Amino acid sequence: MTKSKDTTEKKSAMTQIDNELVRQLAGVLNETGLTEIEYEAGGLRIRVARQVTAAASAPVYMPSGGGEAPAASAKPADPASHPGTVKSPMVGVAYLLPEPGAAPFIKLGDTVAEGQTLALIEAMKTFNPVKAPHGGKIIKILVESGSPVEYGEPLVIIE
C-alpha cells in the first residue's frame, strides 16, 4: 500500500505547475520574440506558447513618396480576410528585392501579372519565389524586406 501511495504522491508533485517557471518562460518569449518554448528537467516538461496575430507581427511597408490615402481607408480590418491577399507559403525570411541594392520586385500601386514574382522567402538557405496567383494592382505590402514570416502570414494584397 505504501508503494502505491508513494507513486501517487510523486505523480501529484510532478503534475503541479511551477507558476514562477511558467512566468519566466513567458518572459523569455516576450524578450526574444519567439512564439513557443519548451523546458524539461527531472521528468517535468513545460511548453509555453503564444499565438501571434499577423497584423501585430508583420511590419507595414511604407514607401517613400506618398501613398494614396483613399486606398488605406478602404483596407479591410484583417488583411488575411481580403480575397486578394497573398500569404506566405512557408516559414522563413521575406525579401522584396532580388538582391541588395536592386529595385524591388513590386511597389505599391504596381500592376502585376499572374505568375510574376512578388517576393522571395528564404528558408534553409534556399530562396523560394512567391508568385502572384492572379493579375491585379498591388494595394498593400504587409511585410518589410528582411523580416521573418510565418506560414500563412499575409504578405501582399492584390486587387
N, C-alpha and C. Protein backbone atom coordinates (compact mmCIF):
# COMPACT_ATOMS: atom_id res chain seq x y z
N MET A 1 0.82 -1.20 0.00
CA MET A 1 0.00 0.00 0.00
C MET A 1 0.86 1.25 0.00
N THR A 2 1.98 1.26 0.71
CA THR A 2 2.85 2.44 0.73
C THR A 2 3.47 2.67 -0.63
N LYS A 3 3.74 1.62 -1.37
CA LYS A 3 4.32 1.78 -2.70
C LYS A 3 3.34 2.53 -3.61
N SER A 4 2.08 2.19 -3.56
CA SER A 4 1.06 2.87 -4.34
C SER A 4 0.90 4.32 -3.90
N LYS A 5 0.97 4.54 -2.59
CA LYS A 5 0.85 5.90 -2.06
C LYS A 5 2.03 6.77 -2.51
N ASP A 6 3.25 6.21 -2.48
CA ASP A 6 4.44 6.95 -2.92
C ASP A 6 4.33 7.31 -4.40
N THR A 7 3.88 6.38 -5.22
CA THR A 7 3.71 6.63 -6.66
C THR A 7 2.69 7.74 -6.89
N THR A 8 1.60 7.71 -6.15
CA THR A 8 0.56 8.73 -6.30
C THR A 8 1.10 10.10 -5.89
N GLU A 9 1.87 10.16 -4.80
CA GLU A 9 2.45 11.43 -4.36
C GLU A 9 3.43 11.98 -5.38
N LYS A 10 4.25 11.10 -5.97
CA LYS A 10 5.21 11.54 -6.99
C LYS A 10 4.48 12.10 -8.21
N LYS A 11 3.45 11.40 -8.66
CA LYS A 11 2.68 11.87 -9.81
C LYS A 11 2.02 13.20 -9.49
N SER A 12 1.50 13.34 -8.30
CA SER A 12 0.86 14.59 -7.89
C SER A 12 1.86 15.73 -7.87
N ALA A 13 3.06 15.46 -7.35
CA ALA A 13 4.09 16.51 -7.30
C ALA A 13 4.54 16.89 -8.70
N MET A 14 4.59 15.91 -9.61
CA MET A 14 5.04 16.19 -10.98
C MET A 14 3.99 16.97 -11.76
N THR A 15 2.72 16.79 -11.42
CA THR A 15 1.69 17.47 -12.18
C THR A 15 1.42 18.88 -11.67
N GLN A 16 1.99 19.23 -10.51
CA GLN A 16 1.83 20.60 -10.02
C GLN A 16 2.62 21.53 -10.92
N ILE A 17 2.04 22.63 -11.25
CA ILE A 17 2.67 23.58 -12.16
C ILE A 17 3.47 24.59 -11.35
N ASP A 18 4.70 24.80 -11.76
CA ASP A 18 5.56 25.81 -11.14
C ASP A 18 5.24 27.14 -11.82
N ASN A 19 4.36 27.92 -11.19
CA ASN A 19 3.89 29.18 -11.78
C ASN A 19 5.04 30.14 -12.06
N GLU A 20 6.03 30.18 -11.18
CA GLU A 20 7.16 31.10 -11.39
C GLU A 20 7.96 30.69 -12.63
N LEU A 21 8.15 29.39 -12.84
CA LEU A 21 8.87 28.92 -14.02
C LEU A 21 8.10 29.27 -15.29
N VAL A 22 6.79 29.11 -15.26
CA VAL A 22 5.96 29.46 -16.42
C VAL A 22 6.09 30.95 -16.71
N ARG A 23 6.06 31.78 -15.67
CA ARG A 23 6.23 33.23 -15.86
C ARG A 23 7.59 33.56 -16.46
N GLN A 24 8.63 32.90 -15.98
CA GLN A 24 9.97 33.13 -16.51
C GLN A 24 10.06 32.73 -17.98
N LEU A 25 9.48 31.59 -18.32
CA LEU A 25 9.48 31.15 -19.72
C LEU A 25 8.69 32.11 -20.61
N ALA A 26 7.56 32.60 -20.09
CA ALA A 26 6.78 33.59 -20.85
C ALA A 26 7.59 34.86 -21.05
N GLY A 27 8.36 35.25 -20.04
CA GLY A 27 9.23 36.42 -20.17
C GLY A 27 10.28 36.23 -21.24
N VAL A 28 10.82 35.02 -21.34
CA VAL A 28 11.80 34.71 -22.39
C VAL A 28 11.14 34.84 -23.76
N LEU A 29 9.89 34.38 -23.89
CA LEU A 29 9.15 34.52 -25.16
C LEU A 29 9.05 35.99 -25.55
N ASN A 30 8.66 36.83 -24.60
CA ASN A 30 8.50 38.26 -24.88
C ASN A 30 9.82 38.92 -25.24
N GLU A 31 10.88 38.58 -24.52
CA GLU A 31 12.19 39.19 -24.76
C GLU A 31 12.78 38.81 -26.11
N THR A 32 12.57 37.56 -26.52
CA THR A 32 13.20 37.05 -27.74
C THR A 32 12.32 37.13 -28.97
N GLY A 33 11.00 37.30 -28.78
CA GLY A 33 10.10 37.31 -29.92
C GLY A 33 9.73 35.91 -30.40
N LEU A 34 10.13 34.87 -29.66
CA LEU A 34 9.76 33.51 -30.02
C LEU A 34 8.26 33.31 -29.82
N THR A 35 7.71 32.29 -30.48
CA THR A 35 6.30 32.00 -30.31
C THR A 35 6.06 30.81 -29.38
N GLU A 36 7.10 30.01 -29.12
CA GLU A 36 6.94 28.92 -28.16
C GLU A 36 8.30 28.52 -27.61
N ILE A 37 8.28 27.95 -26.41
CA ILE A 37 9.49 27.48 -25.75
C ILE A 37 9.12 26.25 -24.94
N GLU A 38 10.05 25.30 -24.87
CA GLU A 38 9.80 24.07 -24.14
C GLU A 38 10.96 23.85 -23.17
N TYR A 39 10.64 23.39 -21.95
CA TYR A 39 11.63 23.17 -20.91
C TYR A 39 11.36 21.82 -20.28
N GLU A 40 12.44 21.04 -20.06
CA GLU A 40 12.28 19.72 -19.44
C GLU A 40 13.39 19.52 -18.44
N ALA A 41 13.02 19.10 -17.23
CA ALA A 41 14.00 18.79 -16.19
C ALA A 41 13.36 17.86 -15.18
N GLY A 42 14.09 16.84 -14.78
CA GLY A 42 13.63 15.92 -13.74
C GLY A 42 12.28 15.29 -14.02
N GLY A 43 12.00 14.96 -15.26
CA GLY A 43 10.73 14.33 -15.60
C GLY A 43 9.58 15.30 -15.77
N LEU A 44 9.82 16.57 -15.51
CA LEU A 44 8.78 17.60 -15.68
C LEU A 44 9.03 18.30 -17.01
N ARG A 45 8.00 18.40 -17.80
CA ARG A 45 8.11 19.02 -19.12
C ARG A 45 7.07 20.13 -19.22
N ILE A 46 7.53 21.36 -19.55
CA ILE A 46 6.63 22.50 -19.67
C ILE A 46 6.82 23.12 -21.05
N ARG A 47 5.72 23.36 -21.72
CA ARG A 47 5.73 24.03 -23.02
C ARG A 47 4.87 25.27 -22.90
N VAL A 48 5.45 26.43 -23.24
CA VAL A 48 4.73 27.69 -23.21
C VAL A 48 4.69 28.22 -24.63
N ALA A 49 3.50 28.54 -25.12
CA ALA A 49 3.35 29.03 -26.48
C ALA A 49 2.39 30.20 -26.50
N ARG A 50 2.56 31.05 -27.48
CA ARG A 50 1.62 32.16 -27.66
C ARG A 50 1.30 32.27 -29.12
N GLN A 51 0.11 32.77 -29.42
CA GLN A 51 -0.27 32.99 -30.80
C GLN A 51 0.01 34.44 -31.14
N VAL A 52 0.59 34.64 -32.30
CA VAL A 52 0.89 35.98 -32.76
C VAL A 52 -0.03 36.29 -33.92
N THR A 53 -0.76 37.39 -33.84
CA THR A 53 -1.62 37.77 -34.95
C THR A 53 -0.76 38.33 -36.06
N ALA A 54 -1.15 38.09 -37.28
CA ALA A 54 -0.37 38.54 -38.42
C ALA A 54 -0.21 40.05 -38.42
N ALA A 55 -1.24 40.78 -38.04
CA ALA A 55 -1.17 42.24 -38.06
C ALA A 55 -0.15 42.74 -37.05
N ALA A 56 -0.02 42.07 -35.92
CA ALA A 56 0.91 42.52 -34.89
C ALA A 56 2.34 42.13 -35.24
N SER A 57 2.54 41.01 -35.94
CA SER A 57 3.88 40.55 -36.19
C SER A 57 4.46 41.06 -37.51
N ALA A 58 3.63 41.56 -38.40
CA ALA A 58 4.11 41.98 -39.70
C ALA A 58 4.18 43.49 -39.79
N PRO A 59 5.41 44.04 -39.91
CA PRO A 59 5.51 45.47 -40.07
C PRO A 59 4.93 45.91 -41.41
N VAL A 60 4.41 47.09 -41.47
CA VAL A 60 3.82 47.60 -42.70
C VAL A 60 4.90 48.32 -43.49
N TYR A 61 5.01 48.00 -44.76
CA TYR A 61 5.98 48.63 -45.65
C TYR A 61 5.41 49.96 -46.12
N MET A 62 6.08 51.04 -45.81
CA MET A 62 5.65 52.37 -46.21
C MET A 62 6.67 52.95 -47.18
N PRO A 63 6.38 53.00 -48.47
CA PRO A 63 7.33 53.54 -49.42
C PRO A 63 7.50 55.03 -49.25
N SER A 64 8.70 55.52 -49.59
CA SER A 64 8.90 56.96 -49.53
C SER A 64 8.24 57.58 -50.74
N GLY A 65 7.56 58.68 -50.55
CA GLY A 65 6.91 59.37 -51.65
C GLY A 65 5.41 59.16 -51.67
N GLY A 66 4.73 59.40 -50.63
CA GLY A 66 3.27 59.49 -50.51
C GLY A 66 2.45 58.41 -51.18
N GLY A 67 1.80 57.59 -50.40
CA GLY A 67 0.86 56.62 -50.94
C GLY A 67 -0.51 57.25 -51.05
N GLU A 68 -1.45 56.49 -51.54
CA GLU A 68 -2.80 57.01 -51.71
C GLU A 68 -3.57 56.85 -50.40
N ALA A 69 -4.06 57.90 -49.84
CA ALA A 69 -4.83 57.85 -48.60
C ALA A 69 -6.15 57.11 -48.77
N PRO A 70 -6.89 57.26 -49.88
CA PRO A 70 -8.15 56.54 -50.01
C PRO A 70 -7.97 55.02 -49.97
N ALA A 71 -6.88 54.50 -50.53
CA ALA A 71 -6.66 53.06 -50.52
C ALA A 71 -6.45 52.57 -49.09
N ALA A 72 -5.78 53.37 -48.27
CA ALA A 72 -5.53 52.97 -46.88
C ALA A 72 -6.84 52.92 -46.10
N SER A 73 -7.75 53.85 -46.36
CA SER A 73 -9.00 53.87 -45.61
C SER A 73 -9.96 52.77 -46.09
N ALA A 74 -9.74 52.24 -47.30
CA ALA A 74 -10.62 51.21 -47.84
C ALA A 74 -10.15 49.80 -47.47
N LYS A 75 -9.01 49.69 -46.76
CA LYS A 75 -8.47 48.37 -46.44
C LYS A 75 -9.36 47.66 -45.42
N PRO A 76 -9.39 46.32 -45.50
CA PRO A 76 -10.16 45.57 -44.51
C PRO A 76 -9.45 45.59 -43.16
N ALA A 77 -10.19 45.33 -42.08
CA ALA A 77 -9.61 45.33 -40.75
C ALA A 77 -8.57 44.22 -40.62
N ASP A 78 -8.84 43.07 -41.19
CA ASP A 78 -7.92 41.94 -41.14
C ASP A 78 -7.43 41.65 -42.55
N PRO A 79 -6.13 41.90 -42.83
CA PRO A 79 -5.63 41.68 -44.20
C PRO A 79 -5.80 40.24 -44.67
N ALA A 80 -5.76 39.29 -43.76
CA ALA A 80 -5.89 37.88 -44.15
C ALA A 80 -7.27 37.57 -44.72
N SER A 81 -8.28 38.38 -44.38
CA SER A 81 -9.63 38.11 -44.87
C SER A 81 -9.89 38.71 -46.25
N HIS A 82 -9.00 39.55 -46.74
CA HIS A 82 -9.17 40.15 -48.07
C HIS A 82 -8.99 39.06 -49.13
N PRO A 83 -9.87 39.00 -50.12
CA PRO A 83 -9.77 37.94 -51.14
C PRO A 83 -8.51 38.02 -52.00
N GLY A 84 -7.86 39.16 -52.05
CA GLY A 84 -6.66 39.30 -52.87
C GLY A 84 -5.37 39.13 -52.09
N THR A 85 -5.46 38.66 -50.85
CA THR A 85 -4.26 38.50 -50.02
C THR A 85 -3.41 37.35 -50.50
N VAL A 86 -2.11 37.61 -50.65
CA VAL A 86 -1.14 36.58 -50.98
C VAL A 86 -0.42 36.26 -49.67
N LYS A 87 -0.48 34.99 -49.27
CA LYS A 87 0.08 34.57 -47.98
C LYS A 87 1.39 33.83 -48.18
N SER A 88 2.19 33.85 -47.14
CA SER A 88 3.47 33.16 -47.18
C SER A 88 3.25 31.65 -47.26
N PRO A 89 3.92 30.98 -48.19
CA PRO A 89 3.75 29.54 -48.32
C PRO A 89 4.58 28.74 -47.32
N MET A 90 5.42 29.45 -46.54
CA MET A 90 6.31 28.76 -45.60
C MET A 90 6.84 29.73 -44.55
N VAL A 91 7.50 29.18 -43.56
CA VAL A 91 8.18 29.97 -42.55
C VAL A 91 9.55 30.34 -43.11
N GLY A 92 9.97 31.56 -42.91
CA GLY A 92 11.29 31.98 -43.39
C GLY A 92 11.46 33.47 -43.25
N VAL A 93 12.33 34.03 -44.09
CA VAL A 93 12.59 35.47 -44.11
C VAL A 93 12.16 35.99 -45.48
N ALA A 94 11.32 37.03 -45.47
CA ALA A 94 10.80 37.60 -46.72
C ALA A 94 11.76 38.65 -47.26
N TYR A 95 11.98 38.63 -48.54
CA TYR A 95 12.79 39.64 -49.22
C TYR A 95 11.99 40.20 -50.38
N LEU A 96 11.92 41.52 -50.46
CA LEU A 96 11.18 42.19 -51.53
C LEU A 96 12.10 42.61 -52.68
N LEU A 97 13.41 42.36 -52.52
CA LEU A 97 14.40 42.70 -53.55
C LEU A 97 15.07 41.43 -54.03
N PRO A 98 15.43 41.35 -55.31
CA PRO A 98 16.13 40.15 -55.78
C PRO A 98 17.54 40.03 -55.20
N GLU A 99 18.15 41.18 -54.88
CA GLU A 99 19.47 41.21 -54.25
C GLU A 99 19.66 42.60 -53.64
N PRO A 100 20.58 42.74 -52.69
CA PRO A 100 20.77 44.05 -52.06
C PRO A 100 21.13 45.13 -53.10
N GLY A 101 20.48 46.26 -52.99
CA GLY A 101 20.73 47.39 -53.89
C GLY A 101 19.93 47.36 -55.17
N ALA A 102 19.22 46.26 -55.44
CA ALA A 102 18.42 46.15 -56.67
C ALA A 102 17.04 46.78 -56.44
N ALA A 103 16.34 46.99 -57.53
CA ALA A 103 14.97 47.51 -57.45
C ALA A 103 14.07 46.41 -56.86
N PRO A 104 13.05 46.79 -56.08
CA PRO A 104 12.15 45.78 -55.50
C PRO A 104 11.34 45.08 -56.59
N PHE A 105 10.90 43.87 -56.28
CA PHE A 105 10.05 43.12 -57.21
C PHE A 105 8.77 43.90 -57.51
N ILE A 106 8.19 44.50 -56.45
CA ILE A 106 6.93 45.23 -56.59
C ILE A 106 6.96 46.49 -55.75
N LYS A 107 6.12 47.45 -56.12
CA LYS A 107 5.92 48.67 -55.35
C LYS A 107 4.42 48.88 -55.21
N LEU A 108 4.05 49.64 -54.21
CA LEU A 108 2.65 49.98 -54.01
C LEU A 108 2.11 50.63 -55.28
N GLY A 109 0.97 50.16 -55.77
CA GLY A 109 0.36 50.72 -56.96
C GLY A 109 0.75 50.02 -58.25
N ASP A 110 1.77 49.16 -58.22
CA ASP A 110 2.18 48.42 -59.42
C ASP A 110 1.06 47.49 -59.87
N THR A 111 1.01 47.25 -61.18
CA THR A 111 0.12 46.24 -61.74
C THR A 111 0.97 45.02 -62.02
N VAL A 112 0.53 43.87 -61.52
CA VAL A 112 1.29 42.63 -61.70
C VAL A 112 0.49 41.64 -62.53
N ALA A 113 1.21 40.74 -63.17
CA ALA A 113 0.58 39.68 -63.97
C ALA A 113 0.62 38.38 -63.18
N GLU A 114 -0.30 37.48 -63.50
CA GLU A 114 -0.31 36.17 -62.87
C GLU A 114 1.04 35.50 -63.07
N GLY A 115 1.61 34.94 -62.00
CA GLY A 115 2.89 34.25 -62.09
C GLY A 115 4.10 35.14 -61.88
N GLN A 116 3.89 36.45 -61.79
CA GLN A 116 5.00 37.38 -61.57
C GLN A 116 5.53 37.21 -60.14
N THR A 117 6.86 37.28 -59.96
CA THR A 117 7.45 37.15 -58.64
C THR A 117 7.16 38.41 -57.82
N LEU A 118 6.61 38.19 -56.62
CA LEU A 118 6.29 39.29 -55.72
C LEU A 118 7.36 39.47 -54.64
N ALA A 119 7.93 38.36 -54.21
CA ALA A 119 8.92 38.36 -53.13
C ALA A 119 9.66 37.04 -53.15
N LEU A 120 10.67 36.95 -52.29
CA LEU A 120 11.38 35.70 -52.06
C LEU A 120 11.25 35.36 -50.59
N ILE A 121 11.11 34.07 -50.29
CA ILE A 121 11.13 33.61 -48.91
C ILE A 121 12.36 32.72 -48.77
N GLU A 122 13.26 33.13 -47.89
CA GLU A 122 14.45 32.31 -47.63
C GLU A 122 14.13 31.34 -46.52
N ALA A 123 14.30 30.07 -46.82
CA ALA A 123 14.09 29.01 -45.83
C ALA A 123 15.21 27.99 -46.03
N MET A 124 15.93 27.71 -44.98
CA MET A 124 17.03 26.75 -45.03
C MET A 124 18.03 27.08 -46.13
N LYS A 125 18.39 28.35 -46.23
CA LYS A 125 19.38 28.86 -47.18
C LYS A 125 18.96 28.68 -48.64
N THR A 126 17.65 28.54 -48.85
CA THR A 126 17.12 28.43 -50.21
C THR A 126 16.12 29.57 -50.41
N PHE A 127 16.23 30.27 -51.54
CA PHE A 127 15.32 31.37 -51.84
C PHE A 127 14.18 30.83 -52.70
N ASN A 128 12.97 30.95 -52.18
CA ASN A 128 11.77 30.43 -52.85
C ASN A 128 10.92 31.60 -53.33
N PRO A 129 10.64 31.68 -54.61
CA PRO A 129 9.83 32.80 -55.11
C PRO A 129 8.37 32.67 -54.69
N VAL A 130 7.77 33.81 -54.38
CA VAL A 130 6.33 33.89 -54.13
C VAL A 130 5.73 34.54 -55.37
N LYS A 131 4.92 33.80 -56.09
CA LYS A 131 4.36 34.27 -57.36
C LYS A 131 2.94 34.80 -57.16
N ALA A 132 2.57 35.74 -58.00
CA ALA A 132 1.21 36.28 -57.96
C ALA A 132 0.23 35.21 -58.44
N PRO A 133 -0.79 34.90 -57.64
CA PRO A 133 -1.76 33.88 -58.06
C PRO A 133 -2.70 34.39 -59.15
N HIS A 134 -2.78 35.71 -59.29
CA HIS A 134 -3.62 36.34 -60.31
C HIS A 134 -3.07 37.74 -60.57
N GLY A 135 -3.47 38.31 -61.69
CA GLY A 135 -3.04 39.66 -62.00
C GLY A 135 -3.85 40.70 -61.24
N GLY A 136 -3.32 41.91 -61.16
CA GLY A 136 -4.04 42.98 -60.50
C GLY A 136 -3.11 44.07 -60.02
N LYS A 137 -3.65 44.95 -59.19
CA LYS A 137 -2.89 46.10 -58.67
C LYS A 137 -2.49 45.84 -57.23
N ILE A 138 -1.24 46.13 -56.90
CA ILE A 138 -0.74 45.98 -55.53
C ILE A 138 -1.30 47.13 -54.71
N ILE A 139 -2.19 46.80 -53.74
CA ILE A 139 -2.78 47.86 -52.93
C ILE A 139 -2.18 47.92 -51.52
N LYS A 140 -1.47 46.87 -51.14
CA LYS A 140 -0.86 46.85 -49.81
C LYS A 140 0.30 45.87 -49.80
N ILE A 141 1.42 46.32 -49.22
CA ILE A 141 2.57 45.46 -48.96
C ILE A 141 2.67 45.36 -47.45
N LEU A 142 2.52 44.17 -46.91
CA LEU A 142 2.36 43.99 -45.48
C LEU A 142 3.63 43.56 -44.74
N VAL A 143 4.74 43.38 -45.43
CA VAL A 143 5.99 42.98 -44.79
C VAL A 143 7.12 43.89 -45.25
N GLU A 144 8.15 43.94 -44.44
CA GLU A 144 9.38 44.65 -44.81
C GLU A 144 10.37 43.63 -45.34
N SER A 145 11.22 44.05 -46.23
CA SER A 145 12.25 43.17 -46.73
C SER A 145 13.19 42.82 -45.58
N GLY A 146 13.47 41.52 -45.45
CA GLY A 146 14.35 41.05 -44.39
C GLY A 146 13.64 40.66 -43.11
N SER A 147 12.31 40.75 -43.09
CA SER A 147 11.56 40.42 -41.88
C SER A 147 11.17 38.94 -41.87
N PRO A 148 11.16 38.32 -40.68
CA PRO A 148 10.72 36.93 -40.61
C PRO A 148 9.21 36.82 -40.83
N VAL A 149 8.80 35.73 -41.46
CA VAL A 149 7.38 35.49 -41.71
C VAL A 149 7.01 34.08 -41.29
N GLU A 150 5.76 33.90 -40.93
CA GLU A 150 5.22 32.60 -40.55
C GLU A 150 4.44 32.03 -41.73
N TYR A 151 4.19 30.73 -41.69
CA TYR A 151 3.36 30.09 -42.70
C TYR A 151 1.96 30.72 -42.66
N GLY A 152 1.45 31.11 -43.82
CA GLY A 152 0.10 31.68 -43.91
C GLY A 152 0.00 33.15 -43.57
N GLU A 153 1.11 33.78 -43.25
CA GLU A 153 1.10 35.21 -42.91
C GLU A 153 0.86 36.03 -44.18
N PRO A 154 -0.05 37.01 -44.13
CA PRO A 154 -0.29 37.85 -45.30
C PRO A 154 0.97 38.65 -45.68
N LEU A 155 1.30 38.63 -46.97
CA LEU A 155 2.46 39.36 -47.47
C LEU A 155 2.06 40.59 -48.27
N VAL A 156 1.12 40.39 -49.19
CA VAL A 156 0.74 41.41 -50.16
C VAL A 156 -0.75 41.28 -50.44
N ILE A 157 -1.38 42.40 -50.77
CA ILE A 157 -2.78 42.34 -51.22
C ILE A 157 -2.83 42.85 -52.66
N ILE A 158 -3.38 42.00 -53.54
CA ILE A 158 -3.56 42.34 -54.95
C ILE A 158 -5.05 42.51 -55.19
N GLU A 159 -5.43 43.61 -55.78
CA GLU A 159 -6.84 43.84 -56.06
C GLU A 159 -7.07 43.90 -57.56
